[in-house]
Amino acid sequence: MPISGMEAARARLQVVDGLRRWAQGAITDVAAVELLASYAGGRHVRPGVAWVRPCAWPGWYWLDADALAEFAATRTGEERRVLALAARLLDGDMGTRHRVVNPGRSAA
């Protein structure tokens, strides 16, 4: 049974909220989440896409940089550039990233 537009929007907002909690403490992860949430109506941060993964904590999600980069490589133009940028933000040099320990965070 297909879901309504309202249900899809609600699910997308729940994912964005969970991603924002996960990203807290890492500015590059926050930037990637906000970029994906604001680009193309947020259609790249919804349940069921390969790069949005559920965390062990209910309602929390994390972004898989490798899966996002693989998808970005299949796209063209602006979409490819935006998705590739988000993947690079997620996959930055861990030695230079500041991360506050977050109990709901999965290893990404």
PDB file of N, CA and C in Angstrom:
ATOM      1  N   MET A   1       0.844  -1.178   0.000  1.00  0.00           N
ATOM      2  CA  MET A   1       0.000   0.000   0.000  1.00  0.00           C
ATOM      3  C   MET A   1       0.892   1.245   0.000  1.00  0.00           C
ATOM      4  N   PRO A   2       0.751   2.121  -0.988  1.00  0.00           N
ATOM      5  CA  PRO A   2       1.565   3.341  -1.036  1.00  0.00           C
ATOM      6  C   PRO A   2       1.204   4.274   0.113  1.00  0.00           C
ATOM      7  N   ILE A   3       2.197   5.033   0.562  1.00  0.00           N
ATOM      8  CA  ILE A   3       1.938   5.973   1.647  1.00  0.00           C
ATOM      9  C   ILE A   3       1.568   7.331   1.064  1.00  0.00           C
ATOM     10  N   SER A   4       0.798   8.085   1.821  1.00  0.00           N
ATOM     11  CA  SER A   4       0.358   9.401   1.355  1.00  0.00           C
ATOM     12  C   SER A   4       1.516  10.391   1.424  1.00  0.00           C
ATOM     13  N   GLY A   5       1.327  11.521   0.760  1.00  0.00           N
ATOM     14  CA  GLY A   5       2.336  12.569   0.799  1.00  0.00           C
ATOM     15  C   GLY A   5       2.578  13.072   2.212  1.00  0.00           C
ATOM     16  N   MET A   6       1.528  13.147   3.013  1.00  0.00           N
ATOM     17  CA  MET A   6       1.648  13.602   4.395  1.00  0.00           C
ATOM     18  C   MET A   6       2.462  12.600   5.220  1.00  0.00           C
ATOM     19  N   GLU A   7       2.203  11.314   5.021  1.00  0.00           N
ATOM     20  CA  GLU A   7       2.950  10.287   5.751  1.00  0.00           C
ATOM     21  C   GLU A   7       4.419  10.287   5.338  1.00  0.00           C
ATOM     22  N   ALA A   8       4.678  10.471   4.056  1.00  0.00           N
ATOM     23  CA  ALA A   8       6.059  10.524   3.571  1.00  0.00           C
ATOM     24  C   ALA A   8       6.792  11.720   4.164  1.00  0.00           C
ATOM     25  N   ALA A   9       6.122  12.862   4.224  1.00  0.00           N
ATOM     26  CA  ALA A   9       6.729  14.058   4.806  1.00  0.00           C
ATOM     27  C   ALA A   9       7.016  13.850   6.283  1.00  0.00           C
ATOM     28  N   ARG A  10       6.107  13.227   6.992  1.00  0.00           N
ATOM     29  CA  ARG A  10       6.297  12.949   8.423  1.00  0.00           C
ATOM     30  C   ARG A  10       7.490  12.009   8.625  1.00  0.00           C
ATOM     31  N   ALA A  11       7.586  10.964   7.819  1.00  0.00           N
ATOM     32  CA  ALA A  11       8.698  10.018   7.928  1.00  0.00           C
ATOM     33  C   ALA A  11      10.028  10.710   7.638  1.00  0.00           C
ATOM     34  N   ARG A  12      10.047  11.587   6.624  1.00  0.00           N
ATOM     35  CA  ARG A  12      11.268  12.317   6.279  1.00  0.00           C
ATOM     36  C   ARG A  12      11.679  13.226   7.433  1.00  0.00           C
ATOM     37  N   LEU A  13      10.731  13.895   8.055  1.00  0.00           N
ATOM     38  CA  LEU A  13      11.050  14.764   9.196  1.00  0.00           C
ATOM     39  C   LEU A  13      11.597  13.970  10.375  1.00  0.00           C
ATOM     40  N   GLN A  14      11.079  12.775  10.599  1.00  0.00           N
ATOM     41  CA  GLN A  14      11.590  11.921  11.669  1.00  0.00           C
ATOM     42  C   GLN A  14      13.033  11.512  11.390  1.00  0.00           C
ATOM     43  N   VAL A  15      13.322  11.188  10.137  1.00  0.00           N
ATOM     44  CA  VAL A  15      14.689  10.824   9.769  1.00  0.00           C
ATOM     45  C   VAL A  15      15.618  12.020   9.955  1.00  0.00           C
ATOM     46  N   VAL A  16      15.220  13.182   9.492  1.00  0.00           N
ATOM     47  CA  VAL A  16      16.055  14.379   9.640  1.00  0.00           C
ATOM     48  C   VAL A  16      16.309  14.662  11.113  1.00  0.00           C
ATOM     49  N   ASP A  17      15.287  14.542  11.942  1.00  0.00           N
ATOM     50  CA  ASP A  17      15.454  14.762  13.375  1.00  0.00           C
ATOM     51  C   ASP A  17      16.459  13.766  13.954  1.00  0.00           C
ATOM     52  N   GLY A  18      16.334  12.502  13.589  1.00  0.00           N
ATOM     53  CA  GLY A  18      17.271  11.483  14.068  1.00  0.00           C
ATOM     54  C   GLY A  18      18.685  11.715  13.571  1.00  0.00           C
ATOM     55  N   LEU A  19      18.830  12.176  12.337  1.00  0.00           N
ATOM     56  CA  LEU A  19      20.153  12.490  11.793  1.00  0.00           C
ATOM     57  C   LEU A  19      20.769  13.683  12.512  1.00  0.00           C
ATOM     58  N   ARG A  20      19.965  14.671  12.834  1.00  0.00           N
ATOM     59  CA  ARG A  20      20.480  15.847  13.550  1.00  0.00           C
ATOM     60  C   ARG A  20      20.991  15.457  14.925  1.00  0.00           C
ATOM     61  N   ARG A  21      20.290  14.574  15.616  1.00  0.00           N
ATOM     62  CA  ARG A  21      20.775  14.112  16.927  1.00  0.00           C
ATOM     63  C   ARG A  21      22.103  13.383  16.773  1.00  0.00           C
ATOM     64  N   TRP A  22      22.192  12.522  15.767  1.00  0.00           N
ATOM     65  CA  TRP A  22      23.414  11.763  15.514  1.00  0.00           C
ATOM     66  C   TRP A  22      24.584  12.685  15.200  1.00  0.00           C
ATOM     67  N   ALA A  23      24.344  13.712  14.435  1.00  0.00           N
ATOM     68  CA  ALA A  23      25.426  14.583  13.954  1.00  0.00           C
ATOM     69  C   ALA A  23      25.943  15.557  15.007  1.00  0.00           C
ATOM     70  N   GLN A  24      25.211  15.768  16.085  1.00  0.00           N
ATOM     71  CA  GLN A  24      25.625  16.733  17.098  1.00  0.00           C
ATOM     72  C   GLN A  24      27.055  16.464  17.532  1.00  0.00           C
ATOM     73  N   GLY A  25      27.841  17.520  17.555  1.00  0.00           N
ATOM     74  CA  GLY A  25      29.215  17.413  18.017  1.00  0.00           C
ATOM     75  C   GLY A  25      30.248  17.287  16.914  1.00  0.00           C
ATOM     76  N   ALA A  26      29.815  17.072  15.686  1.00  0.00           N
ATOM     77  CA  ALA A  26      30.742  16.991  14.552  1.00  0.00           C
ATOM     78  C   ALA A  26      30.242  17.954  13.481  1.00  0.00           C
ATOM     79  N   ILE A  27      30.898  19.078  13.370  1.00  0.00           N
ATOM     80  CA  ILE A  27      30.426  20.149  12.484  1.00  0.00           C
ATOM     81  C   ILE A  27      30.284  19.689  11.037  1.00  0.00           C
ATOM     82  N   THR A  28      31.169  18.814  10.580  1.00  0.00           N
ATOM     83  CA  THR A  28      31.062  18.358   9.189  1.00  0.00           C
ATOM     84  C   THR A  28      29.857  17.438   8.997  1.00  0.00           C
ATOM     85  N   ASP A  29      29.532  16.642  10.007  1.00  0.00           N
ATOM     86  CA  ASP A  29      28.338  15.798   9.921  1.00  0.00           C
ATOM     87  C   ASP A  29      27.081  16.659   9.961  1.00  0.00           C
ATOM     88  N   VAL A  30      27.085  17.680  10.821  1.00  0.00           N
ATOM     89  CA  VAL A  30      25.954  18.606  10.877  1.00  0.00           C
ATOM     90  C   VAL A  30      25.766  19.258   9.506  1.00  0.00           C
ATOM     91  N   ALA A  31      26.863  19.701   8.913  1.00  0.00           N
ATOM     92  CA  ALA A  31      26.787  20.344   7.596  1.00  0.00           C
ATOM     93  C   ALA A  31      26.228  19.385   6.545  1.00  0.00           C
ATOM     94  N   ALA A  32      26.668  18.132   6.568  1.00  0.00           N
ATOM     95  CA  ALA A  32      26.173  17.152   5.599  1.00  0.00           C
ATOM     96  C   ALA A  32      24.677  16.903   5.783  1.00  0.00           C
ATOM     97  N   VAL A  33      24.245  16.751   7.025  1.00  0.00           N
ATOM     98  CA  VAL A  33      22.817  16.528   7.298  1.00  0.00           C
ATOM     99  C   VAL A  33      21.995  17.717   6.816  1.00  0.00           C
ATOM    100  N   GLU A  34      22.442  18.926   7.141  1.00  0.00           N
ATOM    101  CA  GLU A  34      21.677  20.115   6.758  1.00  0.00           C
ATOM    102  C   GLU A  34      21.673  20.315   5.239  1.00  0.00           C
ATOM    103  N   LEU A  35      22.794  20.012   4.596  1.00  0.00           N
ATOM    104  CA  LEU A  35      22.855  20.104   3.144  1.00  0.00           C
ATOM    105  C   LEU A  35      21.846  19.153   2.504  1.00  0.00           C
ATOM    106  N   LEU A  36      21.846  17.904   2.947  1.00  0.00           N
ATOM    107  CA  LEU A  36      20.914  16.926   2.388  1.00  0.00           C
ATOM    108  C   LEU A  36      19.466  17.244   2.730  1.00  0.00           C
ATOM    109  N   ALA A  37      19.230  17.776   3.934  1.00  0.00           N
ATOM    110  CA  ALA A  37      17.861  18.105   4.348  1.00  0.00           C
ATOM    111  C   ALA A  37      17.303  19.285   3.558  1.00  0.00           C
ATOM    112  N   SER A  38      18.177  20.194   3.144  1.00  0.00           N
ATOM    113  CA  SER A  38      17.700  21.393   2.452  1.00  0.00           C
ATOM    114  C   SER A  38      17.717  21.260   0.928  1.00  0.00           C
ATOM    115  N   TYR A  39      18.495  20.341   0.397  1.00  0.00           N
ATOM    116  CA  TYR A  39      18.609  20.195  -1.045  1.00  0.00           C
ATOM    117  C   TYR A  39      17.446  19.353  -1.588  1.00  0.00           C
ATOM    118  N   ALA A  40      16.844  19.795  -2.655  1.00  0.00           N
ATOM    119  CA  ALA A  40      15.798  19.057  -3.385  1.00  0.00           C
ATOM    120  C   ALA A  40      14.657  18.624  -2.471  1.00  0.00           C
ATOM    121  N   GLY A  41      14.260  19.514  -1.591  1.00  0.00           N
ATOM    122  CA  GLY A  41      13.136  19.210  -0.714  1.00  0.00           C
ATOM    123  C   GLY A  41      13.405  18.098   0.280  1.00  0.00           C
ATOM    124  N   GLY A  42      14.669  17.794   0.511  1.00  0.00           N
ATOM    125  CA  GLY A  42      15.023  16.759   1.477  1.00  0.00           C
ATOM    126  C   GLY A  42      14.798  15.340   0.999  1.00  0.00           C
ATOM    127  N   ARG A  43      14.627  15.169  -0.311  1.00  0.00           N
ATOM    128  CA  ARG A  43      14.294  13.829  -0.813  1.00  0.00           C
ATOM    129  C   ARG A  43      15.413  12.804  -0.652  1.00  0.00           C
ATOM    130  N   HIS A  44      16.615  13.266  -0.318  1.00  0.00           N
ATOM    131  CA  HIS A  44      17.730  12.337  -0.149  1.00  0.00           C
ATOM    132  C   HIS A  44      17.908  11.885   1.297  1.00  0.00           C
ATOM    133  N   VAL A  45      17.046  12.353   2.184  1.00  0.00           N
ATOM    134  CA  VAL A  45      17.086  11.903   3.584  1.00  0.00           C
ATOM    135  C   VAL A  45      15.697  11.402   3.958  1.00  0.00           C
ATOM    136  N   ARG A  46      15.438  10.191   3.552  1.00  0.00           N
ATOM    137  CA  ARG A  46      14.146   9.560   3.834  1.00  0.00           C
ATOM    138  C   ARG A  46      14.396   8.087   4.126  1.00  0.00           C
ATOM    139  N   PRO A  47      13.441   7.450   4.768  1.00  0.00           N
ATOM    140  CA  PRO A  47      13.597   6.016   5.012  1.00  0.00           C
ATOM    141  C   PRO A  47      13.737   5.257   3.695  1.00  0.00           C
ATOM    142  N   GLY A  48      14.580   4.266   3.704  1.00  0.00           N
ATOM    143  CA  GLY A  48      14.710   3.397   2.542  1.00  0.00           C
ATOM    144  C   GLY A  48      15.864   3.697   1.608  1.00  0.00           C
ATOM    145  N   VAL A  49      16.507   4.882   1.737  1.00  0.00           N
ATOM    146  CA  VAL A  49      17.670   5.133   0.895  1.00  0.00           C
ATOM    147  C   VAL A  49      18.877   4.445   1.531  1.00  0.00           C
ATOM    148  N   ALA A  50      19.794   3.990   0.715  1.00  0.00           N
ATOM    149  CA  ALA A  50      20.895   3.145   1.186  1.00  0.00           C
ATOM    150  C   ALA A  50      21.838   3.840   2.160  1.00  0.00           C
ATOM    151  N   TRP A  51      21.932   5.151   2.117  1.00  0.00           N
ATOM    152  CA  TRP A  51      22.901   5.858   2.958  1.00  0.00           C
ATOM    153  C   TRP A  51      22.318   6.338   4.285  1.00  0.00           C
ATOM    154  N   VAL A  52      21.020   6.216   4.483  1.00  0.00           N
ATOM    155  CA  VAL A  52      20.412   6.551   5.779  1.00  0.00           C
ATOM    156  C   VAL A  52      20.220   5.237   6.530  1.00  0.00           C
ATOM    157  N   ARG A  53      20.988   5.089   7.609  1.00  0.00           N
ATOM    158  CA  ARG A  53      20.980   3.838   8.370  1.00  0.00           C
ATOM    159  C   ARG A  53      20.422   4.074   9.770  1.00  0.00           C
ATOM    160  N   PRO A  54      19.599   3.166  10.253  1.00  0.00           N
ATOM    161  CA  PRO A  54      19.107   3.311  11.625  1.00  0.00           C
ATOM    162  C   PRO A  54      20.228   3.013  12.624  1.00  0.00           C
ATOM    163  N   CYS A  55      20.234   3.752  13.704  1.00  0.00           N
ATOM    164  CA  CYS A  55      21.164   3.501  14.810  1.00  0.00           C
ATOM    165  C   CYS A  55      20.551   2.445  15.728  1.00  0.00           C
ATOM    166  N   ALA A  56      21.336   2.019  16.686  1.00  0.00           N
ATOM    167  CA  ALA A  56      20.834   1.084  17.688  1.00  0.00           C
ATOM    168  C   ALA A  56      19.744   1.731  18.545  1.00  0.00           C
ATOM    169  N   TRP A  57      19.811   3.040  18.714  1.00  0.00           N
ATOM    170  CA  TRP A  57      18.811   3.752  19.499  1.00  0.00           C
ATOM    171  C   TRP A  57      17.619   4.059  18.606  1.00  0.00           C
ATOM    172  N   PRO A  58      16.416   3.704  19.037  1.00  0.00           N
ATOM    173  CA  PRO A  58      15.224   3.986  18.224  1.00  0.00           C
ATOM    174  C   PRO A  58      15.096   5.484  17.920  1.00  0.00           C
ATOM    175  N   GLY A  59      14.766   5.785  16.672  1.00  0.00           N
ATOM    176  CA  GLY A  59      14.570   7.168  16.264  1.00  0.00           C
ATOM    177  C   GLY A  59      15.839   7.898  15.875  1.00  0.00           C
ATOM    178  N   TRP A  60      16.980   7.246  15.977  1.00  0.00           N
ATOM    179  CA  TRP A  60      18.265   7.841  15.582  1.00  0.00           C
ATOM    180  C   TRP A  60      18.699   7.201  14.276  1.00  0.00           C
ATOM    181  N   TYR A  61      19.359   7.998  13.436  1.00  0.00           N
ATOM    182  CA  TYR A  61      19.865   7.513  12.149  1.00  0.00           C
ATOM    183  C   TYR A  61      21.268   8.044  11.948  1.00  0.00           C
ATOM    184  N   TRP A  62      22.040   7.388  11.090  1.00  0.00           N
ATOM    185  CA  TRP A  62      23.359   7.888  10.713  1.00  0.00           C
ATOM    186  C   TRP A  62      23.504   7.797   9.207  1.00  0.00           C
ATOM    187  N   LEU A  63      24.444   8.568   8.672  1.00  0.00           N
ATOM    188  CA  LEU A  63      24.673   8.609   7.228  1.00  0.00           C
ATOM    189  C   LEU A  63      25.900   7.793   6.859  1.00  0.00           C
ATOM    190  N   ASP A  64      25.748   6.918   5.896  1.00  0.00           N
ATOM    191  CA  ASP A  64      26.819   6.078   5.380  1.00  0.00           C
ATOM    192  C   ASP A  64      27.472   6.807   4.203  1.00  0.00           C
ATOM    193  N   ALA A  65      28.657   7.343   4.442  1.00  0.00           N
ATOM    194  CA  ALA A  65      29.358   8.141   3.430  1.00  0.00           C
ATOM    195  C   ALA A  65      29.659   7.329   2.173  1.00  0.00           C
ATOM    196  N   ASP A  66      30.043   6.072   2.334  1.00  0.00           N
ATOM    197  CA  ASP A  66      30.386   5.248   1.174  1.00  0.00           C
ATOM    198  C   ASP A  66      29.164   5.016   0.281  1.00  0.00           C
ATOM    199  N   ALA A  67      28.037   4.681   0.895  1.00  0.00           N
ATOM    200  CA  ALA A  67      26.816   4.446   0.111  1.00  0.00           C
ATOM    201  C   ALA A  67      26.358   5.730  -0.571  1.00  0.00           C
ATOM    202  N   LEU A  68      26.492   6.861   0.119  1.00  0.00           N
ATOM    203  CA  LEU A  68      26.107   8.140  -0.476  1.00  0.00           C
ATOM    204  C   LEU A  68      27.030   8.479  -1.647  1.00  0.00           C
ATOM    205  N   ALA A  69      28.316   8.257  -1.487  1.00  0.00           N
ATOM    206  CA  ALA A  69      29.272   8.531  -2.571  1.00  0.00           C
ATOM    207  C   ALA A  69      28.994   7.640  -3.783  1.00  0.00           C
ATOM    208  N   GLU A  70      28.667   6.373  -3.539  1.00  0.00           N
ATOM    209  CA  GLU A  70      28.341   5.466  -4.648  1.00  0.00           C
ATOM    210  C   GLU A  70      27.110   5.958  -5.410  1.00  0.00           C
ATOM    211  N   PHE A  71      26.093   6.398  -4.678  1.00  0.00           N
ATOM    212  CA  PHE A  71      24.898   6.910  -5.336  1.00  0.00           C
ATOM    213  C   PHE A  71      25.210   8.194  -6.089  1.00  0.00           C
ATOM    214  N   ALA A  72      25.979   9.085  -5.470  1.00  0.00           N
ATOM    215  CA  ALA A  72      26.330  10.357  -6.112  1.00  0.00           C
ATOM    216  C   ALA A  72      26.998  10.112  -7.460  1.00  0.00           C
ATOM    217  N   ALA A  73      27.818   9.075  -7.533  1.00  0.00           N
ATOM    218  CA  ALA A  73      28.539   8.767  -8.773  1.00  0.00           C
ATOM    219  C   ALA A  73      27.592   8.377  -9.908  1.00  0.00           C
ATOM    220  N   THR A  74      26.368   7.989  -9.584  1.00  0.00           N
ATOM    221  CA  THR A  74      25.404   7.601 -10.616  1.00  0.00           C
ATOM    222  C   THR A  74      24.562   8.779 -11.097  1.00  0.00           C
ATOM    223  N   ARG A  75      24.682   9.912 -10.452  1.00  0.00           N
ATOM    224  CA  ARG A  75      23.886  11.088 -10.774  1.00  0.00           C
ATOM    225  C   ARG A  75      24.670  12.024 -11.692  1.00  0.00           C
ATOM    226  N   THR A  76      24.056  13.114 -12.111  1.00  0.00           N
ATOM    227  CA  THR A  76      24.716  14.085 -12.974  1.00  0.00           C
ATOM    228  C   THR A  76      24.502  15.496 -12.444  1.00  0.00           C
ATOM    229  N   GLY A  77      25.298  16.424 -12.969  1.00  0.00           N
ATOM    230  CA  GLY A  77      25.103  17.850 -12.721  1.00  0.00           C
ATOM    231  C   GLY A  77      25.123  18.247 -11.261  1.00  0.00           C
ATOM    232  N   GLU A  78      24.229  19.174 -10.936  1.00  0.00           N
ATOM    233  CA  GLU A  78      24.173  19.726  -9.580  1.00  0.00           C
ATOM    234  C   GLU A  78      23.917  18.649  -8.532  1.00  0.00           C
ATOM    235  N   GLU A  79      23.021  17.720  -8.839  1.00  0.00           N
ATOM    236  CA  GLU A  79      22.712  16.662  -7.872  1.00  0.00           C
ATOM    237  C   GLU A  79      23.970  15.874  -7.521  1.00  0.00           C
ATOM    238  N   ARG A  80      24.743  15.521  -8.520  1.00  0.00           N
ATOM    239  CA  ARG A  80      25.982  14.782  -8.275  1.00  0.00           C
ATOM    240  C   ARG A  80      26.933  15.583  -7.400  1.00  0.00           C
ATOM    241  N   ARG A  81      27.082  16.866  -7.701  1.00  0.00           N
ATOM    242  CA  ARG A  81      28.001  17.718  -6.926  1.00  0.00           C
ATOM    243  C   ARG A  81      27.556  17.863  -5.480  1.00  0.00           C
ATOM    244  N   VAL A  82      26.268  18.069  -5.254  1.00  0.00           N
ATOM    245  CA  VAL A  82      25.756  18.246  -3.894  1.00  0.00           C
ATOM    246  C   VAL A  82      25.907  16.955  -3.089  1.00  0.00           C
ATOM    247  N   LEU A  83      25.524  15.836  -3.675  1.00  0.00           N
ATOM    248  CA  LEU A  83      25.624  14.569  -2.958  1.00  0.00           C
ATOM    249  C   LEU A  83      27.079  14.184  -2.698  1.00  0.00           C
ATOM    250  N   ALA A  84      27.950  14.436  -3.665  1.00  0.00           N
ATOM    251  CA  ALA A  84      29.376  14.145  -3.468  1.00  0.00           C
ATOM    252  C   ALA A  84      29.963  15.026  -2.367  1.00  0.00           C
ATOM    253  N   LEU A  85      29.550  16.289  -2.319  1.00  0.00           N
ATOM    254  CA  LEU A  85      30.014  17.182  -1.256  1.00  0.00           C
ATOM    255  C   LEU A  85      29.561  16.659   0.106  1.00  0.00           C
ATOM    256  N   ALA A  86      28.313  16.262   0.218  1.00  0.00           N
ATOM    257  CA  ALA A  86      27.816  15.714   1.490  1.00  0.00           C
ATOM    258  C   ALA A  86      28.618  14.478   1.892  1.00  0.00           C
ATOM    259  N   ALA A  87      28.909  13.605   0.939  1.00  0.00           N
ATOM    260  CA  ALA A  87      29.696  12.405   1.239  1.00  0.00           C
ATOM    261  C   ALA A  87      31.102  12.774   1.705  1.00  0.00           C
ATOM    262  N   ARG A  88      31.711  13.773   1.066  1.00  0.00           N
ATOM    263  CA  ARG A  88      33.057  14.207   1.486  1.00  0.00           C
ATOM    264  C   ARG A  88      33.027  14.823   2.875  1.00  0.00           C
ATOM    265  N   LEU A  89      31.986  15.563   3.191  1.00  0.00           N
ATOM    266  CA  LEU A  89      31.856  16.126   4.543  1.00  0.00           C
ATOM    267  C   LEU A  89      31.788  15.013   5.582  1.00  0.00           C
ATOM    268  N   LEU A  90      31.089  13.951   5.258  1.00  0.00           N
ATOM    269  CA  LEU A  90      30.954  12.828   6.187  1.00  0.00           C
ATOM    270  C   LEU A  90      32.228  12.019   6.307  1.00  0.00           C
ATOM    271  N   ASP A  91      32.983  11.968   5.242  1.00  0.00           N
ATOM    272  CA  ASP A  91      34.147  11.087   5.162  1.00  0.00           C
ATOM    273  C   ASP A  91      35.449  11.842   5.361  1.00  0.00           C
ATOM    274  N   GLY A  92      35.381  12.996   6.035  1.00  0.00           N
ATOM    275  CA  GLY A  92      36.569  13.822   6.237  1.00  0.00           C
ATOM    276  C   GLY A  92      37.615  13.150   7.097  1.00  0.00           C
ATOM    277  N   ASP A  93      38.713  13.817   7.254  1.00  0.00           N
ATOM    278  CA  ASP A  93      39.824  13.329   8.067  1.00  0.00           C
ATOM    279  C   ASP A  93      39.381  13.288   9.525  1.00  0.00           C
ATOM    280  N   MET A  94      39.231  12.092  10.050  1.00  0.00           N
ATOM    281  CA  MET A  94      38.738  11.934  11.423  1.00  0.00           C
ATOM    282  C   MET A  94      39.689  12.563  12.442  1.00  0.00           C
ATOM    283  N   GLY A  95      40.961  12.689  12.111  1.00  0.00           N
ATOM    284  CA  GLY A  95      41.912  13.276  13.044  1.00  0.00           C
ATOM    285  C   GLY A  95      41.681  14.758  13.272  1.00  0.00           C
ATOM    286  N   THR A  96      41.014  15.432  12.354  1.00  0.00           N
ATOM    287  CA  THR A  96      40.797  16.867  12.495  1.00  0.00           C
ATOM    288  C   THR A  96      39.376  17.203  12.904  1.00  0.00           C
ATOM    289  N   ARG A  97      38.559  16.184  13.121  1.00  0.00           N
ATOM    290  CA  ARG A  97      37.157  16.419  13.460  1.00  0.00           C
ATOM    291  C   ARG A  97      36.971  16.391  14.961  1.00  0.00           C
ATOM    292  N   HIS A  98      36.185  17.318  15.456  1.00  0.00           N
ATOM    293  CA  HIS A  98      35.840  17.341  16.873  1.00  0.00           C
ATOM    294  C   HIS A  98      34.517  16.620  17.059  1.00  0.00           C
ATOM    295  N   ARG A  99      34.506  15.645  17.895  1.00  0.00           N
ATOM    296  CA  ARG A  99      33.289  14.864  18.122  1.00  0.00           C
ATOM    297  C   ARG A  99      33.019  14.795  19.619  1.00  0.00           C
ATOM    298  N   VAL A 100      31.818  15.172  20.017  1.00  0.00           N
ATOM    299  CA  VAL A 100      31.361  14.978  21.376  1.00  0.00           C
ATOM    300  C   VAL A 100      30.796  13.576  21.438  1.00  0.00           C
ATOM    301  N   VAL A 101      31.167  12.820  22.457  1.00  0.00           N
ATOM    302  CA  VAL A 101      30.669  11.463  22.565  1.00  0.00           C
ATOM    303  C   VAL A 101      29.152  11.499  22.671  1.00  0.00           C
ATOM    304  N   ASN A 102      28.518  10.721  21.831  1.00  0.00           N
ATOM    305  CA  ASN A 102      27.060  10.707  21.743  1.00  0.00           C
ATOM    306  C   ASN A 102      26.601   9.265  21.912  1.00  0.00           C
ATOM    307  N   PRO A 103      25.807   8.933  22.938  1.00  0.00           N
ATOM    308  CA  PRO A 103      25.467   7.541  23.217  1.00  0.00           C
ATOM    309  C   PRO A 103      24.689   6.856  22.110  1.00  0.00           C
ATOM    310  N   GLY A 104      24.025   7.580  21.254  1.00  0.00           N
ATOM    311  CA  GLY A 104      23.236   6.969  20.198  1.00  0.00           C
ATOM    312  C   GLY A 104      23.982   6.830  18.892  1.00  0.00           C
ATOM    313  N   ARG A 105      25.223   7.193  18.875  1.00  0.00           N
ATOM    314  CA  ARG A 105      25.987   7.244  17.632  1.00  0.00           C
ATOM    315  C   ARG A 105      26.487   5.866  17.247  1.00  0.00           C
ATOM    316  N   SER A 106      26.208   5.462  16.034  1.00  0.00           N
ATOM    317  CA  SER A 106      26.792   4.243  15.482  1.00  0.00           C
ATOM    318  C   SER A 106      28.108   4.603  14.848  1.00  0.00           C
ATOM    319  N   ALA A 107      28.984   3.657  14.781  1.00  0.00           N
ATOM    320  CA  ALA A 107      30.246   3.898  14.089  1.00  0.00           C
ATOM    321  C   ALA A 107      29.943   4.055  12.620  1.00  0.00           C
ATOM    322  N   ALA A 108      30.308   5.178  12.084  1.00  0.00           N
ATOM    323  CA  ALA A 108      30.017   5.440  10.663  1.00  0.00           C
ATOM    324  C   ALA A 108      31.290   5.422   9.865  1.00  0.00           C
TER     325      ALA A 108
END
